[in-house]
Protein backbone atom coordinates (compact mmCIF):
# COMPACT_ATOMS: atom_id res chain seq x y z
CA MET A 1 81.81 -15.50 -32.65
CA ASN A 2 80.02 -16.73 -35.76
CA VAL A 3 76.89 -18.91 -35.47
CA ASP A 4 75.46 -21.42 -38.33
CA PHE A 5 71.78 -20.33 -37.40
CA LYS A 6 69.84 -17.49 -38.58
CA LYS A 7 67.30 -16.75 -36.24
CA ALA A 8 67.32 -17.83 -32.50
CA LEU A 9 64.37 -17.62 -29.69
CA VAL A 10 65.85 -16.96 -26.02
CA THR A 11 63.41 -17.83 -23.04
CA GLY A 12 64.56 -15.81 -20.08
CA GLY A 13 66.22 -13.52 -22.35
CA ALA A 14 65.88 -10.52 -19.90
CA GLY A 15 67.51 -12.05 -17.32
CA PHE A 16 70.99 -12.26 -16.12
CA ILE A 17 72.51 -14.81 -18.38
CA GLY A 18 70.03 -14.71 -20.87
CA SER A 19 70.59 -10.93 -21.84
CA HIS A 20 74.44 -11.45 -22.27
CA LEU A 21 73.55 -14.42 -24.70
CA VAL A 22 70.98 -12.08 -26.56
CA GLU A 23 73.90 -9.47 -27.16
CA ALA A 24 76.08 -12.10 -28.14
CA LEU A 25 73.52 -13.63 -30.83
CA ALA A 26 73.02 -9.98 -32.03
CA ALA A 27 76.44 -9.47 -32.37
CA ALA A 28 76.78 -12.32 -34.40
CA GLY A 29 74.32 -11.01 -36.78
CA CYS A 30 71.67 -13.49 -35.61
CA GLU A 31 67.91 -12.45 -35.71
CA VAL A 32 66.88 -12.90 -32.01
CA ALA A 33 63.26 -13.29 -30.46
CA VAL A 34 63.05 -13.02 -26.65
CA LEU A 35 60.40 -14.29 -24.57
CA ASP A 36 60.46 -13.21 -20.86
CA ASN A 37 57.29 -12.49 -18.58
CA LEU A 38 59.87 -9.84 -16.58
CA SER A 39 59.25 -11.71 -13.16
CA GLY A 40 63.04 -12.02 -12.87
CA GLY A 41 64.34 -10.24 -15.90
CA HIS A 42 64.49 -6.68 -16.76
CA LEU A 43 63.88 -4.73 -19.99
CA SER A 44 66.96 -2.56 -18.91
CA ASN A 45 69.26 -5.59 -19.68
CA LEU A 46 68.27 -5.50 -23.18
CA GLU A 47 68.76 -1.77 -23.65
CA SER A 48 71.94 -2.26 -25.85
CA VAL A 49 70.20 -4.28 -28.23
CA LYS A 50 66.43 -3.42 -28.01
CA SER A 51 66.34 -2.14 -31.68
CA ARG A 52 67.72 -5.43 -32.87
CA ILE A 53 65.46 -7.86 -31.30
CA SER A 54 61.90 -8.70 -31.19
CA PHE A 55 60.59 -8.89 -27.55
CA TYR A 56 57.71 -10.97 -26.29
CA GLU A 57 56.55 -10.29 -22.91
CA ASN A 58 54.74 -13.57 -22.18
CA ASP A 59 55.26 -16.79 -20.19
CA ILE A 60 56.73 -20.02 -20.99
CA ARG A 61 53.50 -21.85 -19.57
CA GLN A 62 51.50 -20.20 -22.57
CA LEU A 63 52.11 -22.56 -25.55
CA ASP A 64 50.54 -20.45 -27.89
CA ALA A 65 52.94 -17.33 -27.05
CA LEU A 66 55.85 -19.64 -27.43
CA GLU A 67 54.80 -20.91 -30.71
CA GLN A 68 54.34 -17.21 -31.58
CA SER A 69 57.93 -16.37 -30.76
CA ALA A 70 59.50 -19.59 -32.12
CA ALA A 71 57.95 -19.21 -35.56
CA ASP A 72 60.64 -19.32 -38.32
CA CYS A 73 63.36 -20.26 -35.66
CA ASP A 74 66.30 -22.45 -36.22
CA ILE A 75 66.94 -22.83 -32.41
CA ILE A 76 65.61 -22.21 -28.97
CA PHE A 77 67.75 -21.48 -26.14
CA HIS A 78 65.70 -22.33 -22.91
CA LEU A 79 66.90 -20.20 -20.00
CA ALA A 80 63.61 -19.31 -18.49
CA ALA A 81 62.87 -20.84 -15.07
CA VAL A 82 61.98 -20.29 -11.54
CA VAL A 83 65.84 -20.39 -10.22
CA ALA A 84 65.54 -19.59 -6.58
CA VAL A 85 65.91 -22.94 -4.84
CA GLN A 86 64.05 -21.65 -1.69
CA GLN A 87 60.87 -20.78 -4.05
CA THR A 88 60.72 -24.24 -5.27
CA ILE A 89 60.60 -25.49 -1.85
CA ASP A 90 58.02 -23.17 -0.70
CA ASP A 91 55.72 -23.36 -3.50
CA PRO A 92 56.65 -26.60 -5.38
CA ILE A 93 53.39 -26.70 -7.64
CA SER A 94 53.83 -23.60 -8.99
CA SER A 95 57.31 -23.58 -9.40
CA THR A 96 56.95 -26.99 -11.34
CA MET A 97 54.28 -25.88 -13.56
CA VAL A 98 56.96 -23.40 -14.90
CA ASN A 99 60.06 -25.42 -14.78
CA ASN A 100 58.54 -28.86 -16.06
CA ILE A 101 55.36 -27.87 -17.93
CA GLY A 102 57.14 -24.60 -19.38
CA THR A 103 59.95 -26.82 -20.47
CA LEU A 104 57.19 -29.25 -22.15
CA ASN A 105 55.67 -26.26 -23.79
CA VAL A 106 59.08 -25.15 -25.12
CA LEU A 107 59.76 -28.55 -26.81
CA GLU A 108 56.11 -28.68 -28.02
CA ALA A 109 56.60 -25.33 -29.67
CA ALA A 110 59.80 -26.36 -31.08
CA ARG A 111 58.19 -29.41 -32.71
CA LYS A 112 55.20 -27.64 -34.10
CA THR A 113 57.45 -24.71 -35.59
CA ASN A 114 60.17 -27.12 -36.95
CA VAL A 115 62.73 -25.67 -34.73
CA ARG A 116 66.00 -27.58 -35.45
CA ARG A 117 67.54 -27.48 -31.88
CA VAL A 118 67.01 -26.71 -28.26
CA VAL A 119 69.71 -26.04 -25.85
CA LEU A 120 68.63 -26.05 -22.26
CA ALA A 121 70.42 -24.24 -19.16
CA SER A 122 70.43 -26.98 -16.45
CA SER A 123 72.38 -26.89 -13.13
CA CYS A 124 74.73 -28.58 -11.44
CA ALA A 125 72.32 -29.11 -8.52
CA VAL A 126 71.28 -32.11 -10.25
CA TYR A 127 74.54 -33.87 -8.62
CA GLY A 128 73.11 -32.93 -5.14
CA ASP A 129 75.17 -33.90 -1.91
CA ASP A 130 77.18 -36.36 -3.54
CA PRO A 131 80.67 -35.82 -1.90
CA ARG A 132 82.85 -36.95 -4.86
CA LEU A 133 85.00 -34.62 -6.61
CA PRO A 134 85.07 -33.19 -9.57
CA LYS A 135 81.36 -33.78 -10.51
CA ASP A 136 81.32 -35.96 -13.57
CA GLU A 137 78.63 -36.36 -16.12
CA SER A 138 78.98 -39.93 -15.42
CA MET A 139 77.77 -39.70 -11.98
CA THR A 140 74.53 -40.87 -10.99
CA PRO A 141 72.40 -37.56 -10.21
CA MET A 142 70.93 -37.13 -6.72
CA PRO A 143 68.75 -33.90 -6.53
CA THR A 144 67.99 -32.64 -2.97
CA SER A 145 65.60 -29.76 -4.08
CA PRO A 146 62.53 -29.33 -6.01
CA TYR A 147 64.87 -27.09 -8.35
CA ALA A 148 67.29 -29.59 -9.05
CA VAL A 149 64.59 -32.37 -9.79
CA HIS A 150 63.08 -29.80 -12.16
CA LYS A 151 66.48 -29.65 -14.05
CA LEU A 152 67.18 -33.17 -14.05
CA SER A 153 63.31 -34.02 -15.52
CA ALA A 154 63.84 -31.11 -17.97
CA GLU A 155 67.13 -33.02 -19.37
CA HIS A 156 65.32 -36.23 -19.65
CA TYR A 157 62.28 -34.46 -21.35
CA LEU A 158 64.88 -33.16 -23.92
CA ARG A 159 66.35 -36.49 -24.30
CA VAL A 160 63.19 -37.95 -25.04
CA TYR A 161 62.00 -35.68 -27.57
CA GLY A 162 65.06 -36.13 -29.41
CA GLU A 163 64.35 -39.80 -29.36
CA LEU A 164 60.59 -39.91 -30.49
CA PHE A 165 60.68 -36.55 -32.73
CA GLY A 166 64.21 -36.23 -33.85
CA LEU A 167 64.55 -32.99 -31.86
CA LYS A 168 68.24 -32.14 -31.51
CA ASN A 169 69.00 -31.02 -28.28
CA VAL A 170 71.89 -30.45 -25.54
CA SER A 171 71.81 -29.73 -21.90
CA LEU A 172 74.50 -27.71 -20.05
CA ARG A 173 74.80 -27.86 -16.41
CA PHE A 174 76.18 -24.71 -15.23
CA PHE A 175 77.98 -24.19 -11.96
CA ASN A 176 78.20 -20.84 -10.24
CA VAL A 177 77.79 -18.40 -13.00
CA PHE A 178 78.84 -14.71 -12.12
CA GLY A 179 78.97 -11.22 -14.02
CA PRO A 180 77.48 -7.96 -14.57
CA ARG A 181 73.48 -7.83 -14.37
CA GLN A 182 73.47 -10.18 -11.57
CA ASP A 183 71.18 -8.85 -8.81
CA PRO A 184 72.63 -9.16 -5.18
CA SER A 185 68.96 -8.54 -4.16
CA SER A 186 67.26 -11.32 -5.63
CA PRO A 187 66.49 -14.68 -3.89
CA TYR A 188 68.98 -16.22 -6.29
CA SER A 189 71.88 -14.40 -5.39
CA GLY A 190 75.34 -15.94 -5.87
CA VAL A 191 77.90 -15.21 -3.38
CA ILE A 192 80.01 -13.27 -6.05
CA SER A 193 77.07 -10.77 -6.60
CA ILE A 194 76.55 -10.05 -2.90
CA PHE A 195 80.26 -9.70 -2.21
CA MET A 196 80.58 -7.18 -5.21
CA SER A 197 77.78 -5.12 -3.83
CA LYS A 198 79.47 -5.10 -0.46
CA ALA A 199 82.76 -4.34 -1.98
CA ALA A 200 81.20 -1.20 -4.13
CA SER A 201 79.68 0.18 -0.88
CA HIS A 202 83.05 -0.45 1.12
CA GLN A 203 81.04 -2.66 3.50
CA ALA A 204 82.05 -6.02 5.02
CA PRO A 205 80.13 -9.30 3.72
CA VAL A 206 78.47 -12.19 5.67
CA ILE A 207 80.18 -15.52 5.49
CA TYR A 208 78.34 -18.61 6.67
CA GLY A 209 80.50 -21.27 8.13
CA ASP A 210 84.26 -21.00 8.18
CA GLY A 211 84.71 -19.61 4.66
CA ASN A 212 86.67 -22.72 3.48
CA GLN A 213 83.93 -24.17 1.48
CA THR A 214 84.90 -24.15 -1.93
CA ARG A 215 82.91 -23.54 -5.20
CA ASP A 216 83.73 -23.51 -9.23
CA PHE A 217 82.85 -19.80 -10.58
CA ILE A 218 82.15 -19.25 -13.99
CA TYR A 219 82.32 -15.89 -15.59
CA VAL A 220 78.88 -15.15 -17.68
CA LYS A 221 80.71 -14.59 -21.12
CA ASN A 222 82.22 -18.07 -20.69
CA VAL A 223 78.77 -19.67 -20.13
CA VAL A 224 77.51 -17.59 -23.51
CA LYS A 225 80.29 -19.03 -25.46
CA ALA A 226 79.29 -22.42 -24.10
CA LEU A 227 75.83 -21.84 -24.98
CA LEU A 228 76.50 -20.79 -28.66
CA GLN A 229 79.10 -23.71 -29.34
CA ALA A 230 76.11 -26.10 -27.74
CA GLY A 231 73.88 -24.57 -30.52
CA GLN A 232 76.05 -25.77 -33.34
CA THR A 233 77.19 -29.08 -31.88
CA ASP A 234 76.75 -32.22 -34.18
CA GLN A 235 76.80 -34.36 -31.09
CA LYS A 236 74.14 -37.06 -30.38
CA THR A 237 70.80 -35.47 -29.08
CA GLY A 238 70.03 -35.63 -25.41
CA ASP A 239 73.64 -35.05 -24.40
CA VAL A 240 74.54 -33.22 -20.95
CA PHE A 241 77.77 -31.13 -20.47
CA ASN A 242 79.35 -29.84 -17.42
CA ILE A 243 80.08 -25.93 -17.62
CA GLY A 244 82.18 -24.38 -15.33
CA SER A 245 85.95 -23.33 -14.84
CA GLY A 246 87.18 -26.61 -13.86
CA SER A 247 88.67 -25.24 -10.56
CA ARG A 248 87.75 -24.31 -7.39
CA ILE A 249 88.32 -21.28 -4.62
CA SER A 250 87.31 -21.05 -1.11
CA ILE A 251 84.71 -18.39 -0.12
CA ASN A 252 87.68 -16.60 2.12
CA ARG A 253 90.10 -16.50 -0.72
CA LEU A 254 87.40 -15.20 -2.91
CA TRP A 255 86.95 -12.37 -0.97
CA GLU A 256 90.31 -11.46 -0.48
CA LEU A 257 90.44 -11.31 -4.28
CA ILE A 258 87.44 -9.23 -4.65
CA ALA A 259 88.64 -7.05 -1.52
CA SER A 260 92.06 -6.45 -3.17
CA LEU A 261 90.68 -5.51 -6.43
CA ASN A 262 88.59 -2.85 -4.69
CA GLY A 263 91.64 -1.69 -2.59
CA GLN A 264 90.04 -2.39 0.70
CA GLN A 265 90.69 -4.75 3.92
CA SER A 266 87.40 -5.04 5.26
CA GLU A 267 87.20 -8.34 7.31
CA PRO A 268 84.28 -10.52 6.82
CA VAL A 269 81.74 -11.46 9.39
CA TYR A 270 81.23 -14.68 10.15
CA HIS A 271 77.84 -16.44 11.11
CA SER A 272 76.86 -19.90 11.89
CA ALA A 273 77.17 -22.49 8.79
CA ARG A 274 73.47 -22.68 7.26
CA GLY A 275 72.14 -26.33 7.16
CA GLY A 276 72.31 -28.14 3.79
CA ASP A 277 75.10 -26.07 2.14
CA ILE A 278 77.41 -28.34 0.31
CA LEU A 279 80.96 -27.84 1.44
CA HIS A 280 82.83 -28.23 -1.93
CA SER A 281 81.95 -28.56 -5.66
CA VAL A 282 83.89 -28.52 -8.79
CA GLY A 283 83.16 -29.56 -12.13
CA ASN A 284 85.07 -31.84 -14.44
CA ILE A 285 84.65 -29.87 -17.88
CA ASP A 286 86.86 -32.44 -20.08
CA LYS A 287 83.80 -33.47 -22.02
CA ALA A 288 82.87 -30.01 -22.75
CA ARG A 289 86.25 -29.29 -24.10
CA SER A 290 86.86 -32.49 -26.17
CA ILE A 291 83.52 -32.32 -27.73
CA LEU A 292 82.31 -28.68 -27.73
CA ASN A 293 85.76 -27.46 -28.09
CA PHE A 294 84.83 -25.39 -24.83
CA THR A 295 87.65 -23.06 -23.25
CA ASN A 296 87.10 -20.53 -20.53
CA GLU A 297 88.42 -17.37 -22.37
CA PHE A 298 88.18 -15.38 -19.14
CA SER A 299 90.00 -16.14 -16.10
CA LEU A 300 88.44 -15.70 -12.71
CA GLU A 301 90.42 -12.92 -11.77
CA GLN A 302 89.54 -11.04 -15.28
CA GLY A 303 85.93 -11.80 -14.57
CA LEU A 304 86.01 -10.45 -11.08
CA GLU A 305 87.54 -7.42 -12.32
CA LEU A 306 85.07 -6.75 -14.96
CA THR A 307 82.04 -7.58 -12.58
CA LEU A 308 83.52 -5.13 -10.00
CA GLU A 309 83.84 -2.36 -12.62
CA TRP A 310 80.18 -2.91 -13.51
CA TYR A 311 78.96 -2.96 -10.00
CA ARG A 312 80.86 0.06 -8.97
CA GLY A 313 78.79 1.96 -12.03
CA GLN A 314 75.61 0.70 -10.85
CA MET A 315 76.07 1.92 -7.00
CA GLY A 316 72.69 3.42 -5.97
CA GLU A 317 70.76 1.51 -8.77
CA VAL A 318 70.61 -1.94 -7.07
CA GLY A 319 70.24 -3.07 -3.43
CA SER A 320 72.67 -4.68 -1.36
CA GLY A 321 72.67 -8.30 -0.63
CA ASN A 322 73.09 -9.61 3.00
CA GLY A 323 74.03 -13.30 2.79
CA GLU A 324 76.38 -15.77 0.94
CA VAL A 325 75.95 -19.25 -0.90
């Protein structure tokens, strides 16, 4: 995909989604700077592009480091964050310093270095427990965790910086992203990364509840496409977009698909439902379709097949998860 900016900074660029974005930017001929403190990311994720990027092992809480890495950039893709919901509950002050003060630092660095646009990785978590489906950008957010509050607050900071300082920006509310490099042993493990790890080792997964809960899963390459399109939109500043598949699937059916792809018939083990789990979630992506021209190039099945292929190749290199979301 072609891009109309020459140099980009990706915060959190050594992470799961960030590293895929960095690869796409480099492939488009864009000069790329990556800032990551490696608390959740890994340099190995950038192995294929390490000779074509500038890497800064720094923290978004350090404004001077952000200003250095943002120098001469046209755009900042802001993905760095504490993304484990439980971590934001257990340590709300430190996580707020990363997710909110860190975001303010990104915006200040953008303002001081004349960056034209900031694209924020936000989350569908801002919708909270609202039972209405599909989730629509016009719904009043009702965050139920510090993490969700952080993301909603970050969206507002972007809007305000756009209004006060003319900094163009867009926020993307990701639904359940999956794909290669998602670590099943991390606190932020998604159900697909855990299922993939189990399938690759021919083990049965644990499902909490009856497995009839549904989610909107989106393959990481589709998310990267949305990020690139958001980086080039002329849409008014401060806008938000749902980024998902626009459809939902039950956790039971998800395991059936993965097990079938792997040629196994392992039955999942069911445990009691976890308190606070949302039963159903799916995003309305009509706004992203009409304004960003966003489409999902990879279907769920294609994404699952590509992801399973990667996990098979990683056996012995990553740990196996033991939960579900």
